[in-house]
C-alpha cells in the first residue's frame, strides 16, 4: 500500500469521525519518517498515545515455544539417533 492510499484511508476515517487504532514498535521519530509527515500530522490531530512497557512480544513467546520444541527429544528415536 502506498503512502497516498494510506493517507486516503486515514483522511477518510478522520473526516467521518471514525477512530483508528494503530500499533507500532517504532518510536515517534521513526514512525514519523516511516509514514511521512502528511500522515503523521493527520494522525497527530486526534491521537492518544499509549506506551506499553514490560509487555512481552508475541514473537518472543512464539520463539521460546519453538526453541523449547526443537530441544525435545523425538520419542521414536533411540539414544544413538539423538
Protein backbone atom coordinates (compact mmCIF):
# COMPACT_ATOMS: atom_id res chain seq x y z
CA UNK A 1 0.00 0.00 0.00
CA UNK A 2 1.42 3.37 -0.96
CA UNK A 3 1.57 6.34 1.38
CA UNK A 4 -1.03 8.08 -0.81
CA UNK A 5 -3.50 5.24 -0.24
CA UNK A 6 -2.73 5.15 3.47
CA UNK A 7 -3.34 8.89 3.67
CA UNK A 8 -6.67 8.49 1.81
CA UNK A 9 -7.74 5.86 4.32
CA UNK A 10 -6.64 7.85 7.38
CA UNK A 11 -8.13 11.06 6.00
CA UNK A 12 -11.45 9.38 5.15
CA UNK A 13 -11.72 7.95 8.66
CA UNK A 14 -10.74 11.35 10.10
CA UNK A 15 -13.44 13.16 8.11
CA UNK A 16 -16.05 10.57 9.12
CA UNK A 17 -15.09 10.89 12.79
CA UNK A 18 -14.16 7.21 12.89
CA UNK A 19 -11.50 6.05 15.28
CA UNK A 20 -8.39 4.28 14.10
CA UNK A 21 -6.10 2.12 16.19
CA UNK A 22 -2.52 1.85 15.03
CA UNK A 23 0.11 -0.23 16.73
CA UNK A 24 3.82 0.02 16.14
CA UNK A 25 7.10 -0.92 17.70
CA UNK A 26 8.66 2.30 16.36
CA UNK A 27 9.37 5.38 18.44
CA UNK A 28 7.65 8.60 17.32
CA UNK A 29 10.61 9.89 15.31
CA UNK A 30 10.96 6.63 13.38
CA UNK A 31 7.19 6.36 12.92
CA UNK A 32 7.09 9.91 11.51
CA UNK A 33 9.85 9.20 9.00
CA UNK A 34 8.25 5.86 8.05
CA UNK A 35 4.69 7.05 7.36
CA UNK A 36 5.60 10.55 6.19
CA UNK A 37 4.84 14.00 7.53
CA UNK A 38 1.38 14.27 5.97
CA UNK A 39 0.06 11.05 7.54
CA UNK A 40 1.84 11.70 10.82
CA UNK A 41 0.32 15.19 11.01
CA UNK A 42 -3.21 13.90 10.31
CA UNK A 43 -2.86 11.18 12.93
CA UNK A 44 -1.46 13.64 15.44
CA UNK A 45 -4.61 15.77 15.36
CA UNK A 46 -6.66 13.13 17.19
CA UNK A 47 -4.21 10.89 18.93
CA UNK A 48 -3.91 9.28 22.30
CA UNK A 49 -0.51 7.63 22.55
CA UNK A 50 -0.37 4.65 24.84
CA UNK A 51 3.05 3.29 25.60
CA UNK A 52 3.07 -0.32 26.73
CA UNK A 53 6.16 -1.31 28.62
CA UNK A 54 7.04 -4.62 30.15
CA UNK A 55 4.70 -6.46 27.83
CA UNK A 56 6.36 -9.41 26.18
CA UNK A 57 6.28 -9.62 22.43
CA UNK A 58 4.15 -12.38 20.98
CA UNK A 59 7.09 -13.12 18.67
CA UNK A 60 9.37 -13.70 21.65
CA UNK A 61 6.83 -16.02 23.25
CA UNK A 62 6.38 -17.88 19.98
CA UNK A 63 10.14 -18.21 19.59
CA UNK A 64 10.52 -19.53 23.15
CA UNK A 65 7.92 -22.23 22.45
CA UNK A 66 9.58 -23.13 19.17
CA UNK A 67 13.06 -23.31 20.66
CA UNK A 68 11.75 -25.49 23.50
CA UNK A 69 10.04 -27.75 20.97
CA UNK A 70 13.23 -28.18 18.94
CA UNK A 71 15.12 -29.28 22.02
CA UNK A 72 12.66 -32.01 22.97
CA UNK A 73 13.93 -35.48 22.05
CA UNK A 74 11.92 -37.35 19.48
CA UNK A 75 10.10 -40.27 21.10
CA UNK A 76 10.67 -42.78 18.32
CA UNK A 77 14.44 -42.27 18.13
CA UNK A 78 16.89 -44.30 20.12
CA UNK A 79 19.82 -42.77 22.01
CA UNK A 80 22.19 -43.16 19.05
CA UNK A 81 19.90 -41.20 16.72
CA UNK A 82 19.50 -38.18 19.01
